[in-house]
Amino acid sequence: MYHRVLPPEGPRLQTEPPVCYPNGDTTPAVRALVAEHYLAACSTRPGWHRIRDDHHMIRRIALHQNISRDETSLLARLSGWI
């Protein structure tokens, strides 16, 4: 099931965008396989990603229209207040 994450023609580290794990589903084995072929991968874990964090588990900050409709709402989301 997880082997489909990799491109069939092999790794292209300089041109491939980060992998996004479907629904955030991943295991240590999947992350190791992805790390062999990609520079980075996006998780569904919320929060800020720091340079020392695992680049194959990049965190996200969810921004949707109802959260970022105005500057106050956007800043509240980015600050972690909401």
N, C-alpha and C. Protein backbone atom coordinates (compact mmCIF):
# COMPACT_ATOMS: atom_id res chain seq x y z
N MET A 1 0.81 -1.19 0.00
CA MET A 1 0.00 0.00 0.00
C MET A 1 0.86 1.26 0.00
N TYR A 2 1.88 1.33 0.85
CA TYR A 2 2.67 2.54 0.96
C TYR A 2 3.74 2.66 -0.12
N HIS A 3 4.05 1.59 -0.82
CA HIS A 3 5.08 1.67 -1.84
C HIS A 3 4.70 2.61 -2.98
N ARG A 4 3.42 2.96 -3.13
CA ARG A 4 2.97 3.84 -4.20
C ARG A 4 3.35 5.30 -3.97
N VAL A 5 3.87 5.63 -2.80
CA VAL A 5 4.28 7.00 -2.48
C VAL A 5 5.45 7.42 -3.36
N LEU A 6 6.31 6.50 -3.72
CA LEU A 6 7.52 6.82 -4.48
C LEU A 6 7.25 6.83 -5.98
N PRO A 7 7.91 7.74 -6.70
CA PRO A 7 7.69 7.77 -8.15
C PRO A 7 8.26 6.51 -8.80
N PRO A 8 7.59 5.96 -9.79
CA PRO A 8 8.06 4.72 -10.41
C PRO A 8 9.40 4.86 -11.11
N GLU A 9 9.75 6.07 -11.55
CA GLU A 9 11.02 6.25 -12.26
C GLU A 9 12.21 6.46 -11.33
N GLY A 10 11.99 6.46 -10.02
CA GLY A 10 13.09 6.60 -9.07
C GLY A 10 13.18 8.00 -8.48
N PRO A 11 14.16 8.22 -7.62
CA PRO A 11 14.27 9.50 -6.92
C PRO A 11 14.69 10.65 -7.82
N ARG A 12 14.14 11.82 -7.54
CA ARG A 12 14.55 13.05 -8.21
C ARG A 12 14.55 14.14 -7.13
N LEU A 13 15.51 14.06 -6.25
CA LEU A 13 15.53 14.91 -5.06
C LEU A 13 15.45 16.40 -5.36
N GLN A 14 16.06 16.87 -6.41
CA GLN A 14 16.10 18.30 -6.66
C GLN A 14 14.81 18.83 -7.28
N THR A 15 13.99 18.00 -7.86
CA THR A 15 12.80 18.49 -8.55
C THR A 15 11.49 18.05 -7.91
N GLU A 16 11.52 17.05 -7.06
CA GLU A 16 10.30 16.54 -6.47
C GLU A 16 9.83 17.44 -5.32
N PRO A 17 8.55 17.73 -5.27
CA PRO A 17 8.01 18.45 -4.10
C PRO A 17 7.98 17.50 -2.91
N PRO A 18 7.77 18.02 -1.71
CA PRO A 18 7.67 17.13 -0.55
C PRO A 18 6.51 16.14 -0.71
N VAL A 19 6.67 14.99 -0.12
CA VAL A 19 5.61 13.99 -0.07
C VAL A 19 4.60 14.44 0.98
N CYS A 20 3.34 14.20 0.74
CA CYS A 20 2.30 14.42 1.75
C CYS A 20 1.71 13.06 2.06
N TYR A 21 1.87 12.63 3.31
CA TYR A 21 1.33 11.32 3.69
C TYR A 21 -0.19 11.36 3.62
N PRO A 22 -0.82 10.42 2.90
CA PRO A 22 -2.28 10.40 2.81
C PRO A 22 -2.93 10.30 4.19
N ASN A 23 -3.76 11.25 4.52
CA ASN A 23 -4.44 11.31 5.82
C ASN A 23 -3.46 11.33 6.99
N GLY A 24 -2.21 11.62 6.72
CA GLY A 24 -1.20 11.63 7.78
C GLY A 24 -0.74 10.25 8.19
N ASP A 25 -1.20 9.23 7.47
CA ASP A 25 -0.86 7.84 7.82
C ASP A 25 0.60 7.55 7.44
N THR A 26 1.37 7.16 8.44
CA THR A 26 2.77 6.80 8.20
C THR A 26 3.26 5.91 9.33
N THR A 27 4.34 5.24 9.07
CA THR A 27 4.99 4.38 10.06
C THR A 27 6.49 4.68 9.98
N PRO A 28 7.27 4.23 10.96
CA PRO A 28 8.72 4.41 10.85
C PRO A 28 9.29 3.81 9.57
N ALA A 29 8.78 2.68 9.15
CA ALA A 29 9.28 2.05 7.91
C ALA A 29 8.96 2.91 6.70
N VAL A 30 7.78 3.48 6.65
CA VAL A 30 7.40 4.35 5.53
C VAL A 30 8.27 5.60 5.52
N ARG A 31 8.48 6.20 6.69
CA ARG A 31 9.31 7.40 6.77
C ARG A 31 10.75 7.10 6.32
N ALA A 32 11.27 5.97 6.68
CA ALA A 32 12.62 5.59 6.26
C ALA A 32 12.69 5.43 4.74
N LEU A 33 11.68 4.82 4.14
CA LEU A 33 11.63 4.65 2.69
C LEU A 33 11.52 6.00 1.99
N VAL A 34 10.65 6.87 2.50
CA VAL A 34 10.49 8.20 1.92
C VAL A 34 11.80 8.99 2.04
N ALA A 35 12.47 8.87 3.18
CA ALA A 35 13.72 9.61 3.41
C ALA A 35 14.82 9.20 2.41
N GLU A 36 14.74 7.99 1.90
CA GLU A 36 15.73 7.54 0.90
C GLU A 36 15.55 8.26 -0.43
N HIS A 37 14.35 8.77 -0.70
CA HIS A 37 14.03 9.30 -2.03
C HIS A 37 13.59 10.76 -2.06
N TYR A 38 13.26 11.33 -0.91
CA TYR A 38 12.76 12.70 -0.87
C TYR A 38 13.46 13.50 0.21
N LEU A 39 13.59 14.79 -0.01
CA LEU A 39 14.21 15.67 0.97
C LEU A 39 13.28 15.99 2.13
N ALA A 40 11.96 15.93 1.90
CA ALA A 40 11.01 16.32 2.94
C ALA A 40 9.66 15.66 2.71
N ALA A 41 8.86 15.64 3.77
CA ALA A 41 7.49 15.11 3.69
C ALA A 41 6.62 15.84 4.71
N CYS A 42 5.37 16.08 4.34
CA CYS A 42 4.43 16.79 5.20
C CYS A 42 3.55 15.82 5.98
N SER A 43 3.43 16.08 7.26
CA SER A 43 2.54 15.29 8.10
C SER A 43 1.23 16.07 8.30
N THR A 44 0.36 15.54 9.11
CA THR A 44 -0.85 16.28 9.47
C THR A 44 -0.78 16.74 10.92
N ARG A 45 0.41 16.61 11.54
CA ARG A 45 0.57 17.08 12.91
C ARG A 45 0.52 18.60 12.93
N PRO A 46 -0.25 19.19 13.84
CA PRO A 46 -0.34 20.65 13.88
C PRO A 46 0.88 21.26 14.56
N GLY A 47 1.16 22.51 14.24
CA GLY A 47 2.20 23.24 14.93
C GLY A 47 3.26 23.79 13.99
N TRP A 48 4.26 24.41 14.60
CA TRP A 48 5.36 25.01 13.86
C TRP A 48 6.46 23.98 13.64
N HIS A 49 7.08 24.03 12.50
CA HIS A 49 8.21 23.15 12.20
C HIS A 49 9.50 23.93 12.44
N ARG A 50 10.39 23.37 13.22
CA ARG A 50 11.68 24.00 13.50
C ARG A 50 12.77 23.31 12.69
N ILE A 51 13.84 24.01 12.42
CA ILE A 51 14.92 23.50 11.57
C ILE A 51 15.48 22.18 12.09
N ARG A 52 15.49 21.96 13.39
CA ARG A 52 16.05 20.73 13.94
C ARG A 52 15.03 19.57 13.96
N ASP A 53 13.79 19.85 13.61
CA ASP A 53 12.76 18.81 13.57
C ASP A 53 12.96 17.89 12.36
N ASP A 54 12.36 16.74 12.42
CA ASP A 54 12.42 15.75 11.34
C ASP A 54 11.80 16.33 10.07
N HIS A 55 12.59 16.44 9.00
CA HIS A 55 12.09 17.01 7.75
C HIS A 55 11.16 16.06 6.99
N HIS A 56 10.98 14.89 7.53
CA HIS A 56 10.04 13.96 6.91
C HIS A 56 8.76 13.85 7.74
N MET A 57 8.59 14.79 8.67
CA MET A 57 7.36 14.90 9.47
C MET A 57 7.05 16.39 9.68
N ILE A 58 7.10 17.16 8.60
CA ILE A 58 6.86 18.61 8.70
C ILE A 58 5.45 18.86 9.24
N ARG A 59 5.37 19.72 10.24
CA ARG A 59 4.09 20.07 10.85
C ARG A 59 3.35 21.09 9.99
N ARG A 60 2.05 21.26 10.27
CA ARG A 60 1.22 22.20 9.51
C ARG A 60 0.45 23.11 10.45
N ILE A 61 0.10 24.25 9.94
CA ILE A 61 -0.84 25.14 10.61
C ILE A 61 -2.05 25.24 9.68
N ALA A 62 -3.17 24.74 10.13
CA ALA A 62 -4.38 24.73 9.30
C ALA A 62 -4.92 26.14 9.12
N LEU A 63 -5.04 26.55 7.88
CA LEU A 63 -5.63 27.85 7.56
C LEU A 63 -6.77 27.61 6.58
N HIS A 64 -7.95 27.95 7.00
CA HIS A 64 -9.13 27.81 6.16
C HIS A 64 -9.81 29.17 6.09
N GLN A 65 -10.73 29.32 5.19
CA GLN A 65 -11.38 30.61 4.99
C GLN A 65 -11.99 31.16 6.29
N ASN A 66 -12.61 30.30 7.08
CA ASN A 66 -13.23 30.79 8.31
C ASN A 66 -12.20 31.18 9.37
N ILE A 67 -10.97 30.72 9.24
CA ILE A 67 -9.92 31.03 10.21
C ILE A 67 -9.10 32.23 9.78
N SER A 68 -8.97 32.43 8.48
CA SER A 68 -8.10 33.50 7.99
C SER A 68 -8.88 34.57 7.23
N ARG A 69 -10.15 34.73 7.56
CA ARG A 69 -11.01 35.67 6.82
C ARG A 69 -10.63 37.13 7.04
N ASP A 70 -9.97 37.42 8.16
CA ASP A 70 -9.51 38.78 8.42
C ASP A 70 -8.19 38.71 9.18
N GLU A 71 -7.52 39.84 9.28
CA GLU A 71 -6.19 39.86 9.88
C GLU A 71 -6.18 39.39 11.33
N THR A 72 -7.18 39.77 12.10
CA THR A 72 -7.25 39.37 13.51
C THR A 72 -7.36 37.86 13.64
N SER A 73 -8.24 37.27 12.85
CA SER A 73 -8.41 35.81 12.89
C SER A 73 -7.14 35.09 12.47
N LEU A 74 -6.50 35.58 11.42
CA LEU A 74 -5.26 34.97 10.94
C LEU A 74 -4.18 35.04 12.01
N LEU A 75 -3.99 36.21 12.60
CA LEU A 75 -2.96 36.36 13.63
C LEU A 75 -3.26 35.51 14.86
N ALA A 76 -4.54 35.38 15.21
CA ALA A 76 -4.92 34.53 16.34
C ALA A 76 -4.55 33.08 16.05
N ARG A 77 -4.79 32.61 14.84
CA ARG A 77 -4.45 31.24 14.46
C ARG A 77 -2.94 31.03 14.49
N LEU A 78 -2.20 31.95 13.90
CA LEU A 78 -0.75 31.81 13.84
C LEU A 78 -0.11 31.88 15.22
N SER A 79 -0.73 32.61 16.13
CA SER A 79 -0.17 32.73 17.47
C SER A 79 -0.46 31.50 18.33
N GLY A 80 -1.39 30.67 17.87
CA GLY A 80 -1.78 29.50 18.63
C GLY A 80 -2.94 29.76 19.58
N TRP A 81 -3.48 30.98 19.53
CA TRP A 81 -4.58 31.32 20.41
C TRP A 81 -5.85 30.56 20.05
N ILE A 82 -6.08 30.31 18.75
CA ILE A 82 -7.23 29.50 18.32
C ILE A 82 -6.73 28.37 17.44
